Amino acid sequence: MDSDLPADPFLQSLPHTQGLPPAVIDLHSRPGRFSGRCSIVRGKGALTALALRIGRFPPTADDVPVTLTTQHEGCQWTWHRDFGGHKTVSNLYFDTTRGLVREVIGGLSIWMHPKGSEGKLLLDIAAIKLLGCPCPRVMLPRSNSVEWQDDQGRFCFDVSAWMPGVGPLIRYRGWLTRDHGIRQTT
């Protein structure tokens, strides 16, 4: 990792990265472009559809190509995702006041609490604001999101969220590898 470049907010929020696999550390340590495959399942219902539209989440798809380009400027990291032609951009910050990762994606601000466990990075949702309005704790979506490295050395992800009383919101899972030979600017 470039010593002048801070790790992304996920690694900044952890007390140490011991136990995290190389593919997870690499994705979160320096800007780059990653490619792989992904499957997406969206939840049902009008409330779910509205929330996912506000967050600009991708449509349901099975085994689509996915790319992720990460960039760094100041204290902000920007993730450009392309899920088979559906583009989603989010800005990530380390919220020093809360000690959490803040992701701004569409009209959503999501605060996450990353933690390392048994070679995986687990992501719990701590708070959400929808169009600037805080989500009540009783309605706060839950997450079983996890990142790890598979036997082929690929970065793998399984991101999901569900809301009490509503059910599943979205789940996308797949894998990525760093595209070598593509120069990224910061």
N, C-alpha and C. Protein backbone atom coordinates (compact mmCIF):
# COMPACT_ATOMS: atom_id res chain seq x y z
N MET A 1 0.84 -1.17 0.00
CA MET A 1 0.00 0.00 0.00
C MET A 1 0.89 1.23 0.00
N ASP A 2 0.51 2.26 -0.77
CA ASP A 2 1.23 3.52 -0.80
C ASP A 2 1.13 4.17 0.57
N SER A 3 2.28 4.46 1.20
CA SER A 3 2.27 4.98 2.56
C SER A 3 1.65 6.38 2.65
N ASP A 4 1.59 7.13 1.53
CA ASP A 4 0.97 8.46 1.53
C ASP A 4 -0.54 8.39 1.38
N LEU A 5 -1.06 7.25 1.03
CA LEU A 5 -2.48 7.09 0.75
C LEU A 5 -3.15 6.33 1.89
N PRO A 6 -4.12 6.95 2.56
CA PRO A 6 -4.79 6.21 3.64
C PRO A 6 -5.65 5.09 3.06
N ALA A 7 -5.77 4.03 3.81
CA ALA A 7 -6.65 2.94 3.40
C ALA A 7 -8.06 3.50 3.30
N ASP A 8 -8.93 2.76 2.63
CA ASP A 8 -10.30 3.24 2.52
C ASP A 8 -10.98 3.20 3.89
N PRO A 9 -12.17 3.79 4.00
CA PRO A 9 -12.81 3.90 5.32
C PRO A 9 -13.06 2.57 6.02
N PHE A 10 -13.23 1.49 5.28
CA PHE A 10 -13.47 0.19 5.91
C PHE A 10 -12.26 -0.23 6.74
N LEU A 11 -11.06 -0.11 6.16
CA LEU A 11 -9.86 -0.48 6.90
C LEU A 11 -9.54 0.55 7.98
N GLN A 12 -9.86 1.83 7.73
CA GLN A 12 -9.62 2.86 8.74
C GLN A 12 -10.43 2.59 10.01
N SER A 13 -11.59 1.99 9.86
CA SER A 13 -12.47 1.77 11.01
C SER A 13 -12.06 0.58 11.87
N LEU A 14 -11.18 -0.26 11.34
CA LEU A 14 -10.76 -1.46 12.07
C LEU A 14 -9.54 -1.15 12.94
N PRO A 15 -9.47 -1.72 14.13
CA PRO A 15 -8.29 -1.50 14.97
C PRO A 15 -7.03 -2.13 14.36
N HIS A 16 -7.19 -3.19 13.61
CA HIS A 16 -6.08 -3.84 12.90
C HIS A 16 -6.67 -4.74 11.83
N THR A 17 -5.86 -5.09 10.84
CA THR A 17 -6.35 -5.93 9.74
C THR A 17 -5.86 -7.36 9.84
N GLN A 18 -5.24 -7.70 10.96
CA GLN A 18 -4.76 -9.08 11.13
C GLN A 18 -5.92 -10.05 10.94
N GLY A 19 -5.67 -11.09 10.21
CA GLY A 19 -6.69 -12.10 9.99
C GLY A 19 -7.51 -11.89 8.73
N LEU A 20 -7.47 -10.68 8.15
CA LEU A 20 -8.19 -10.47 6.90
C LEU A 20 -7.34 -11.01 5.75
N PRO A 21 -7.96 -11.65 4.78
CA PRO A 21 -7.19 -12.24 3.67
C PRO A 21 -6.66 -11.17 2.72
N PRO A 22 -5.60 -11.49 1.96
CA PRO A 22 -4.96 -10.53 1.06
C PRO A 22 -5.92 -9.87 0.06
N ALA A 23 -6.86 -10.61 -0.51
CA ALA A 23 -7.77 -10.03 -1.51
C ALA A 23 -8.64 -8.94 -0.91
N VAL A 24 -9.06 -9.11 0.33
CA VAL A 24 -9.89 -8.10 1.01
C VAL A 24 -9.05 -6.87 1.33
N ILE A 25 -7.86 -7.09 1.85
CA ILE A 25 -6.97 -5.96 2.17
C ILE A 25 -6.61 -5.20 0.89
N ASP A 26 -6.31 -5.92 -0.19
CA ASP A 26 -5.93 -5.28 -1.45
C ASP A 26 -7.04 -4.38 -1.98
N LEU A 27 -8.27 -4.86 -2.01
CA LEU A 27 -9.37 -4.06 -2.54
C LEU A 27 -9.56 -2.78 -1.73
N HIS A 28 -9.36 -2.85 -0.42
CA HIS A 28 -9.60 -1.70 0.45
C HIS A 28 -8.35 -0.85 0.69
N SER A 29 -7.20 -1.22 0.14
CA SER A 29 -5.96 -0.52 0.44
C SER A 29 -5.56 0.53 -0.58
N ARG A 30 -5.94 0.34 -1.82
CA ARG A 30 -5.49 1.28 -2.85
C ARG A 30 -6.50 1.34 -3.98
N PRO A 31 -6.56 2.51 -4.66
CA PRO A 31 -7.51 2.64 -5.77
C PRO A 31 -7.22 1.62 -6.86
N GLY A 32 -8.22 1.32 -7.66
CA GLY A 32 -8.02 0.40 -8.76
C GLY A 32 -9.31 0.06 -9.46
N ARG A 33 -9.19 -0.84 -10.41
CA ARG A 33 -10.35 -1.34 -11.16
C ARG A 33 -10.38 -2.85 -10.97
N PHE A 34 -11.58 -3.35 -10.70
CA PHE A 34 -11.80 -4.77 -10.44
C PHE A 34 -12.92 -5.26 -11.34
N SER A 35 -12.82 -6.50 -11.79
CA SER A 35 -13.86 -7.09 -12.64
C SER A 35 -14.22 -8.48 -12.13
N GLY A 36 -15.46 -8.87 -12.38
CA GLY A 36 -15.91 -10.19 -11.97
C GLY A 36 -17.34 -10.46 -12.41
N ARG A 37 -18.03 -11.25 -11.61
CA ARG A 37 -19.41 -11.65 -11.90
C ARG A 37 -20.25 -11.44 -10.64
N CYS A 38 -21.55 -11.25 -10.85
CA CYS A 38 -22.43 -10.95 -9.73
C CYS A 38 -23.86 -11.37 -10.04
N SER A 39 -24.59 -11.77 -9.02
CA SER A 39 -26.02 -12.03 -9.12
C SER A 39 -26.74 -11.12 -8.13
N ILE A 40 -27.88 -10.58 -8.54
CA ILE A 40 -28.63 -9.63 -7.73
C ILE A 40 -30.07 -10.11 -7.59
N VAL A 41 -30.59 -10.06 -6.36
CA VAL A 41 -31.99 -10.35 -6.10
C VAL A 41 -32.57 -9.20 -5.31
N ARG A 42 -33.61 -8.57 -5.86
CA ARG A 42 -34.28 -7.47 -5.17
C ARG A 42 -35.50 -8.00 -4.45
N GLY A 43 -35.82 -7.38 -3.33
CA GLY A 43 -37.03 -7.74 -2.59
C GLY A 43 -38.28 -7.28 -3.33
N LYS A 44 -39.41 -7.66 -2.80
CA LYS A 44 -40.71 -7.36 -3.43
C LYS A 44 -41.42 -6.24 -2.67
N GLY A 45 -42.36 -5.60 -3.32
CA GLY A 45 -43.21 -4.62 -2.68
C GLY A 45 -42.87 -3.19 -3.06
N ALA A 46 -43.87 -2.32 -2.92
CA ALA A 46 -43.73 -0.92 -3.32
C ALA A 46 -42.71 -0.16 -2.46
N LEU A 47 -42.73 -0.39 -1.15
CA LEU A 47 -41.79 0.29 -0.25
C LEU A 47 -40.35 -0.10 -0.57
N THR A 48 -40.14 -1.39 -0.81
CA THR A 48 -38.81 -1.87 -1.17
C THR A 48 -38.36 -1.26 -2.49
N ALA A 49 -39.24 -1.26 -3.49
CA ALA A 49 -38.90 -0.70 -4.80
C ALA A 49 -38.53 0.78 -4.68
N LEU A 50 -39.27 1.53 -3.87
CA LEU A 50 -38.98 2.95 -3.69
C LEU A 50 -37.62 3.15 -3.02
N ALA A 51 -37.37 2.42 -1.95
CA ALA A 51 -36.08 2.54 -1.25
C ALA A 51 -34.91 2.19 -2.16
N LEU A 52 -35.06 1.14 -2.96
CA LEU A 52 -33.97 0.74 -3.85
C LEU A 52 -33.79 1.73 -4.99
N ARG A 53 -34.87 2.36 -5.44
CA ARG A 53 -34.76 3.38 -6.48
C ARG A 53 -34.02 4.59 -5.93
N ILE A 54 -34.35 5.01 -4.72
CA ILE A 54 -33.68 6.15 -4.09
C ILE A 54 -32.18 5.87 -3.93
N GLY A 55 -31.83 4.63 -3.59
CA GLY A 55 -30.44 4.25 -3.44
C GLY A 55 -29.75 3.88 -4.74
N ARG A 56 -30.50 3.92 -5.84
CA ARG A 56 -29.96 3.60 -7.18
C ARG A 56 -29.34 2.21 -7.26
N PHE A 57 -29.98 1.26 -6.57
CA PHE A 57 -29.48 -0.11 -6.58
C PHE A 57 -29.83 -0.81 -7.89
N PRO A 58 -29.07 -1.81 -8.28
CA PRO A 58 -29.28 -2.48 -9.57
C PRO A 58 -30.52 -3.37 -9.57
N PRO A 59 -31.03 -3.67 -10.78
CA PRO A 59 -32.17 -4.58 -10.90
C PRO A 59 -31.74 -6.03 -10.68
N THR A 60 -32.72 -6.89 -10.48
CA THR A 60 -32.46 -8.32 -10.36
C THR A 60 -31.77 -8.82 -11.62
N ALA A 61 -30.73 -9.61 -11.45
CA ALA A 61 -29.99 -10.17 -12.58
C ALA A 61 -29.24 -11.39 -12.09
N ASP A 62 -29.01 -12.32 -12.98
CA ASP A 62 -28.29 -13.54 -12.63
C ASP A 62 -26.98 -13.62 -13.40
N ASP A 63 -25.88 -13.73 -12.68
CA ASP A 63 -24.56 -13.92 -13.26
C ASP A 63 -24.22 -12.89 -14.33
N VAL A 64 -24.24 -11.62 -13.94
CA VAL A 64 -23.89 -10.53 -14.86
C VAL A 64 -22.45 -10.09 -14.61
N PRO A 65 -21.82 -9.50 -15.64
CA PRO A 65 -20.49 -8.94 -15.41
C PRO A 65 -20.61 -7.74 -14.47
N VAL A 66 -19.63 -7.59 -13.60
CA VAL A 66 -19.60 -6.45 -12.68
C VAL A 66 -18.20 -5.88 -12.66
N THR A 67 -18.13 -4.55 -12.64
CA THR A 67 -16.84 -3.88 -12.46
C THR A 67 -16.97 -2.91 -11.29
N LEU A 68 -15.88 -2.72 -10.62
CA LEU A 68 -15.78 -1.75 -9.53
C LEU A 68 -14.51 -0.96 -9.76
N THR A 69 -14.66 0.36 -9.81
CA THR A 69 -13.50 1.24 -9.89
C THR A 69 -13.51 2.09 -8.64
N THR A 70 -12.42 2.05 -7.90
CA THR A 70 -12.31 2.83 -6.66
C THR A 70 -11.33 3.97 -6.89
N GLN A 71 -11.70 5.15 -6.38
CA GLN A 71 -10.86 6.33 -6.50
C GLN A 71 -10.77 7.00 -5.13
N HIS A 72 -9.72 7.77 -4.96
CA HIS A 72 -9.48 8.42 -3.67
C HIS A 72 -9.17 9.89 -3.91
N GLU A 73 -9.84 10.77 -3.15
CA GLU A 73 -9.52 12.19 -3.18
C GLU A 73 -9.77 12.76 -1.80
N GLY A 74 -8.71 13.26 -1.16
CA GLY A 74 -8.83 13.75 0.21
C GLY A 74 -9.28 12.64 1.13
N CYS A 75 -10.30 12.91 1.92
CA CYS A 75 -10.80 11.89 2.85
C CYS A 75 -11.93 11.07 2.26
N GLN A 76 -12.25 11.30 0.98
CA GLN A 76 -13.36 10.60 0.32
C GLN A 76 -12.85 9.53 -0.63
N TRP A 77 -13.48 8.37 -0.57
CA TRP A 77 -13.27 7.32 -1.56
C TRP A 77 -14.56 7.23 -2.38
N THR A 78 -14.43 7.09 -3.68
CA THR A 78 -15.59 6.94 -4.55
C THR A 78 -15.53 5.57 -5.20
N TRP A 79 -16.65 4.87 -5.12
CA TRP A 79 -16.77 3.55 -5.76
C TRP A 79 -17.75 3.66 -6.91
N HIS A 80 -17.26 3.36 -8.11
CA HIS A 80 -18.10 3.30 -9.31
C HIS A 80 -18.35 1.82 -9.61
N ARG A 81 -19.61 1.42 -9.49
CA ARG A 81 -19.97 0.03 -9.77
C ARG A 81 -20.76 -0.03 -11.07
N ASP A 82 -20.51 -1.06 -11.87
CA ASP A 82 -21.28 -1.29 -13.08
C ASP A 82 -21.75 -2.74 -13.04
N PHE A 83 -23.04 -2.91 -12.78
CA PHE A 83 -23.65 -4.24 -12.72
C PHE A 83 -24.30 -4.53 -14.07
N GLY A 84 -23.55 -5.08 -15.00
CA GLY A 84 -24.11 -5.43 -16.31
C GLY A 84 -24.76 -4.26 -17.01
N GLY A 85 -24.21 -3.04 -16.89
CA GLY A 85 -24.75 -1.86 -17.54
C GLY A 85 -25.48 -0.92 -16.60
N HIS A 86 -25.85 -1.37 -15.40
CA HIS A 86 -26.49 -0.49 -14.42
C HIS A 86 -25.40 0.11 -13.55
N LYS A 87 -25.25 1.43 -13.61
CA LYS A 87 -24.18 2.10 -12.88
C LYS A 87 -24.69 2.64 -11.54
N THR A 88 -23.89 2.40 -10.51
CA THR A 88 -24.17 2.89 -9.17
C THR A 88 -22.89 3.50 -8.62
N VAL A 89 -22.99 4.72 -8.13
CA VAL A 89 -21.82 5.40 -7.57
C VAL A 89 -22.09 5.70 -6.10
N SER A 90 -21.08 5.44 -5.28
CA SER A 90 -21.21 5.81 -3.87
C SER A 90 -19.92 6.48 -3.40
N ASN A 91 -20.10 7.36 -2.42
CA ASN A 91 -18.97 8.04 -1.79
C ASN A 91 -18.85 7.52 -0.38
N LEU A 92 -17.63 7.19 0.01
CA LEU A 92 -17.38 6.60 1.33
C LEU A 92 -16.43 7.47 2.13
N TYR A 93 -16.75 7.58 3.42
CA TYR A 93 -15.97 8.39 4.36
C TYR A 93 -15.79 7.61 5.65
N PHE A 94 -14.72 7.90 6.37
CA PHE A 94 -14.60 7.39 7.73
C PHE A 94 -15.13 8.47 8.65
N ASP A 95 -16.23 8.19 9.33
CA ASP A 95 -16.85 9.13 10.26
C ASP A 95 -16.11 9.02 11.58
N THR A 96 -15.17 9.94 11.82
CA THR A 96 -14.33 9.88 13.01
C THR A 96 -15.14 10.08 14.29
N THR A 97 -16.23 10.82 14.21
CA THR A 97 -17.07 11.05 15.39
C THR A 97 -17.72 9.75 15.86
N ARG A 98 -18.22 8.97 14.93
CA ARG A 98 -18.91 7.72 15.26
C ARG A 98 -18.00 6.50 15.19
N GLY A 99 -16.84 6.65 14.53
CA GLY A 99 -15.96 5.50 14.34
C GLY A 99 -16.54 4.50 13.36
N LEU A 100 -17.35 4.99 12.41
CA LEU A 100 -18.06 4.14 11.46
C LEU A 100 -17.75 4.56 10.03
N VAL A 101 -18.06 3.68 9.09
CA VAL A 101 -17.98 4.00 7.67
C VAL A 101 -19.32 4.61 7.27
N ARG A 102 -19.25 5.73 6.57
CA ARG A 102 -20.46 6.35 6.03
C ARG A 102 -20.42 6.22 4.52
N GLU A 103 -21.46 5.62 3.95
CA GLU A 103 -21.58 5.48 2.51
C GLU A 103 -22.79 6.29 2.05
N VAL A 104 -22.56 7.19 1.09
CA VAL A 104 -23.63 7.98 0.50
C VAL A 104 -23.86 7.42 -0.89
N ILE A 105 -25.06 6.88 -1.09
CA ILE A 105 -25.41 6.22 -2.34
C ILE A 105 -26.82 6.69 -2.72
N GLY A 106 -26.89 7.47 -3.79
CA GLY A 106 -28.18 8.06 -4.15
C GLY A 106 -28.66 8.94 -3.01
N GLY A 107 -29.93 8.78 -2.63
CA GLY A 107 -30.51 9.55 -1.54
C GLY A 107 -30.36 8.91 -0.19
N LEU A 108 -29.48 7.92 -0.08
CA LEU A 108 -29.26 7.22 1.19
C LEU A 108 -27.89 7.56 1.77
N SER A 109 -27.85 7.71 3.06
CA SER A 109 -26.58 7.73 3.81
C SER A 109 -26.64 6.54 4.76
N ILE A 110 -25.67 5.67 4.65
CA ILE A 110 -25.65 4.44 5.45
C ILE A 110 -24.38 4.45 6.29
N TRP A 111 -24.53 4.28 7.61
CA TRP A 111 -23.38 4.14 8.49
C TRP A 111 -23.22 2.66 8.81
N MET A 112 -22.01 2.16 8.59
CA MET A 112 -21.74 0.73 8.79
C MET A 112 -20.63 0.54 9.81
N HIS A 113 -20.73 -0.58 10.51
CA HIS A 113 -19.71 -0.96 11.49
C HIS A 113 -19.02 -2.22 10.96
N PRO A 114 -17.85 -2.07 10.32
CA PRO A 114 -17.11 -3.24 9.86
C PRO A 114 -16.39 -3.92 11.02
N LYS A 115 -16.27 -5.23 10.93
CA LYS A 115 -15.45 -5.96 11.90
C LYS A 115 -14.88 -7.20 11.22
N GLY A 116 -13.66 -7.52 11.61
CA GLY A 116 -13.01 -8.72 11.09
C GLY A 116 -13.33 -9.91 11.97
N SER A 117 -13.60 -11.04 11.33
CA SER A 117 -13.90 -12.26 12.07
C SER A 117 -13.59 -13.48 11.22
N GLU A 118 -12.68 -14.32 11.71
CA GLU A 118 -12.36 -15.60 11.07
C GLU A 118 -12.07 -15.46 9.58
N GLY A 119 -11.21 -14.49 9.22
CA GLY A 119 -10.80 -14.32 7.83
C GLY A 119 -11.83 -13.64 6.95
N LYS A 120 -12.80 -12.98 7.55
CA LYS A 120 -13.85 -12.29 6.78
C LYS A 120 -14.04 -10.88 7.33
N LEU A 121 -14.53 -10.01 6.48
CA LEU A 121 -14.93 -8.67 6.89
C LEU A 121 -16.45 -8.65 6.92
N LEU A 122 -17.01 -8.41 8.10
CA LEU A 122 -18.45 -8.38 8.30
C LEU A 122 -18.91 -6.93 8.38
N LEU A 123 -20.06 -6.63 7.79
CA LEU A 123 -20.57 -5.26 7.76
C LEU A 123 -21.97 -5.22 8.35
N ASP A 124 -22.10 -4.50 9.45
CA ASP A 124 -23.40 -4.30 10.09
C ASP A 124 -23.86 -2.87 9.86
N ILE A 125 -25.16 -2.69 9.65
CA ILE A 125 -25.73 -1.35 9.48
C ILE A 125 -25.97 -0.76 10.86
N ALA A 126 -25.43 0.44 11.10
CA ALA A 126 -25.59 1.11 12.40
C ALA A 126 -26.64 2.21 12.34
N ALA A 127 -26.79 2.87 11.19
CA ALA A 127 -27.77 3.95 11.04
C ALA A 127 -27.98 4.21 9.55
N ILE A 128 -29.13 4.80 9.23
CA ILE A 128 -29.45 5.18 7.85
C ILE A 128 -30.23 6.48 7.88
N LYS A 129 -29.93 7.31 6.89
CA LYS A 129 -30.77 8.47 6.61
C LYS A 129 -31.28 8.32 5.19
N LEU A 130 -32.57 8.48 5.02
CA LEU A 130 -33.22 8.40 3.71
C LEU A 130 -33.65 9.81 3.35
N LEU A 131 -33.06 10.37 2.30
CA LEU A 131 -33.32 11.75 1.89
C LEU A 131 -33.15 12.72 3.07
N GLY A 132 -32.15 12.45 3.91
CA GLY A 132 -31.83 13.31 5.04
C GLY A 132 -32.60 13.04 6.32
N CYS A 133 -33.58 12.14 6.27
CA CYS A 133 -34.39 11.82 7.45
C CYS A 133 -33.87 10.53 8.10
N PRO A 134 -33.57 10.55 9.39
CA PRO A 134 -33.08 9.34 10.06
C PRO A 134 -34.12 8.24 10.07
N CYS A 135 -33.68 7.04 9.84
CA CYS A 135 -34.54 5.87 9.92
C CYS A 135 -34.72 5.50 11.39
N PRO A 136 -35.96 5.33 11.85
CA PRO A 136 -36.17 4.93 13.25
C PRO A 136 -35.51 3.58 13.53
N ARG A 137 -34.95 3.41 14.72
CA ARG A 137 -34.26 2.15 15.08
C ARG A 137 -35.12 0.93 14.81
N VAL A 138 -36.42 1.02 15.09
CA VAL A 138 -37.30 -0.13 14.91
C VAL A 138 -37.40 -0.55 13.44
N MET A 139 -37.18 0.40 12.52
CA MET A 139 -37.25 0.10 11.08
C MET A 139 -35.87 -0.04 10.43
N LEU A 140 -34.81 0.09 11.22
CA LEU A 140 -33.46 0.06 10.68
C LEU A 140 -33.19 -1.27 9.98
N PRO A 141 -32.82 -1.21 8.69
CA PRO A 141 -32.50 -2.45 7.99
C PRO A 141 -31.35 -3.20 8.67
N ARG A 142 -31.40 -4.49 8.58
CA ARG A 142 -30.35 -5.38 9.10
C ARG A 142 -29.54 -5.88 7.91
N SER A 143 -28.32 -6.27 8.19
CA SER A 143 -27.43 -6.73 7.12
C SER A 143 -26.68 -7.98 7.55
N ASN A 144 -26.50 -8.88 6.61
CA ASN A 144 -25.64 -10.05 6.80
C ASN A 144 -24.49 -9.99 5.78
N SER A 145 -23.98 -8.79 5.53
CA SER A 145 -22.98 -8.59 4.48
C SER A 145 -21.61 -9.07 4.94
N VAL A 146 -20.90 -9.69 4.00
CA VAL A 146 -19.60 -10.26 4.32
C VAL A 146 -18.70 -10.21 3.08
N GLU A 147 -17.40 -10.00 3.32
CA GLU A 147 -16.38 -10.05 2.27
C GLU A 147 -15.32 -11.06 2.70
N TRP A 148 -14.79 -11.82 1.72
CA TRP A 148 -13.78 -12.82 2.03
C TRP A 148 -12.98 -13.13 0.77
N GLN A 149 -12.05 -14.04 0.87
CA GLN A 149 -11.24 -14.49 -0.26
C GLN A 149 -11.54 -15.95 -0.50
N ASP A 150 -11.81 -16.31 -1.76
CA ASP A 150 -12.10 -17.72 -2.06
C ASP A 150 -10.80 -18.49 -2.32
N ASP A 151 -10.94 -19.78 -2.61
CA ASP A 151 -9.79 -20.65 -2.83
C ASP A 151 -8.97 -20.26 -4.05
N GLN A 152 -9.56 -19.48 -4.96
CA GLN A 152 -8.86 -19.02 -6.16
C GLN A 152 -8.19 -17.66 -5.94
N GLY A 153 -8.26 -17.13 -4.72
CA GLY A 153 -7.64 -15.86 -4.39
C GLY A 153 -8.46 -14.65 -4.79
N ARG A 154 -9.73 -14.86 -5.15
CA ARG A 154 -10.58 -13.75 -5.58
C ARG A 154 -11.25 -13.08 -4.37
N PHE A 155 -11.49 -11.78 -4.50
CA PHE A 155 -12.28 -11.04 -3.53
C PHE A 155 -13.74 -11.45 -3.75
N CYS A 156 -14.40 -11.89 -2.69
CA CYS A 156 -15.80 -12.31 -2.78
C CYS A 156 -16.66 -11.46 -1.87
N PHE A 157 -17.90 -11.25 -2.27
CA PHE A 157 -18.82 -10.42 -1.48
C PHE A 157 -20.21 -11.03 -1.50
N ASP A 158 -20.90 -10.84 -0.40
CA ASP A 158 -22.30 -11.23 -0.27
C ASP A 158 -22.95 -10.12 0.55
N VAL A 159 -23.58 -9.18 -0.15
CA VAL A 159 -24.16 -7.99 0.47
C VAL A 159 -25.66 -8.16 0.51
N SER A 160 -26.24 -8.03 1.69
CA SER A 160 -27.69 -8.16 1.79
C SER A 160 -28.23 -7.23 2.86
N ALA A 161 -29.50 -6.89 2.68
CA ALA A 161 -30.20 -6.08 3.67
C ALA A 161 -31.66 -6.50 3.70
N TRP A 162 -32.21 -6.50 4.90
CA TRP A 162 -33.64 -6.77 5.07
C TRP A 162 -34.17 -5.82 6.14
N MET A 163 -35.45 -5.52 6.06
CA MET A 163 -36.05 -4.55 6.98
C MET A 163 -37.15 -5.24 7.79
N PRO A 164 -37.14 -5.03 9.11
CA PRO A 164 -38.19 -5.60 9.95
C PRO A 164 -39.58 -5.17 9.46
N GLY A 165 -40.47 -6.11 9.36
CA GLY A 165 -41.83 -5.84 8.91
C GLY A 165 -41.99 -5.72 7.41
N VAL A 166 -40.89 -5.63 6.68
CA VAL A 166 -40.94 -5.49 5.23
C VAL A 166 -40.37 -6.73 4.55
N GLY A 167 -39.25 -7.22 5.08
CA GLY A 167 -38.60 -8.39 4.50
C GLY A 167 -37.34 -8.03 3.75
N PRO A 168 -36.90 -8.91 2.83
CA PRO A 168 -35.66 -8.68 2.09
C PRO A 168 -35.74 -7.42 1.23
N LEU A 169 -34.66 -6.63 1.26
CA LEU A 169 -34.56 -5.45 0.39
C LEU A 169 -33.75 -5.79 -0.85
N ILE A 170 -32.53 -6.26 -0.64
CA ILE A 170 -31.65 -6.60 -1.77
C ILE A 170 -30.57 -7.54 -1.29
N ARG A 171 -30.09 -8.34 -2.22
CA ARG A 171 -28.91 -9.18 -1.98
C ARG A 171 -28.14 -9.26 -3.28
N TYR A 172 -26.86 -8.92 -3.21
CA TYR A 172 -26.01 -9.14 -4.38
C TYR A 172 -24.73 -9.82 -3.92
N ARG A 173 -24.33 -10.79 -4.71
CA ARG A 173 -23.15 -11.58 -4.33
C ARG A 173 -22.39 -11.99 -5.58
N GLY A 174 -21.08 -12.10 -5.38
CA GLY A 174 -20.23 -12.46 -6.50
C GLY A 174 -18.77 -12.37 -6.12
N TRP A 175 -17.94 -12.12 -7.14
CA TRP A 175 -16.50 -12.07 -6.93
C TRP A 175 -15.88 -11.02 -7.84
N LEU A 176 -14.68 -10.57 -7.47
CA LEU A 176 -13.92 -9.59 -8.24
C LEU A 176 -12.44 -9.93 -8.19
N THR A 177 -11.73 -9.55 -9.25
CA THR A 177 -10.26 -9.60 -9.25
C THR A 177 -9.76 -8.26 -9.76
N ARG A 178 -8.58 -7.85 -9.28
CA ARG A 178 -7.99 -6.59 -9.71
C ARG A 178 -7.57 -6.70 -11.17
N ASP A 179 -7.94 -5.68 -11.95
CA ASP A 179 -7.50 -5.60 -13.35
C ASP A 179 -6.09 -5.03 -13.35
N HIS A 180 -5.14 -5.81 -13.76
CA HIS A 180 -3.74 -5.36 -13.78
C HIS A 180 -3.48 -4.63 -15.08
N GLY A 181 -2.56 -3.70 -15.03
CA GLY A 181 -2.16 -2.97 -16.23
C GLY A 181 -3.04 -1.76 -16.51
N ILE A 182 -4.07 -1.52 -15.68
CA ILE A 182 -4.90 -0.34 -15.85
C ILE A 182 -4.45 0.67 -14.82
N ARG A 183 -3.97 1.79 -15.28
CA ARG A 183 -3.45 2.82 -14.38
C ARG A 183 -4.60 3.67 -13.85
N GLN A 184 -4.65 3.81 -12.54
CA GLN A 184 -5.68 4.61 -11.90
C GLN A 184 -5.06 5.91 -11.38
N THR A 185 -5.79 6.99 -11.50
CA THR A 185 -5.33 8.24 -10.92
C THR A 185 -6.10 8.50 -9.64
N THR A 186 -5.46 9.23 -8.74
CA THR A 186 -6.13 9.56 -7.47
C THR A 186 -6.33 11.04 -7.36
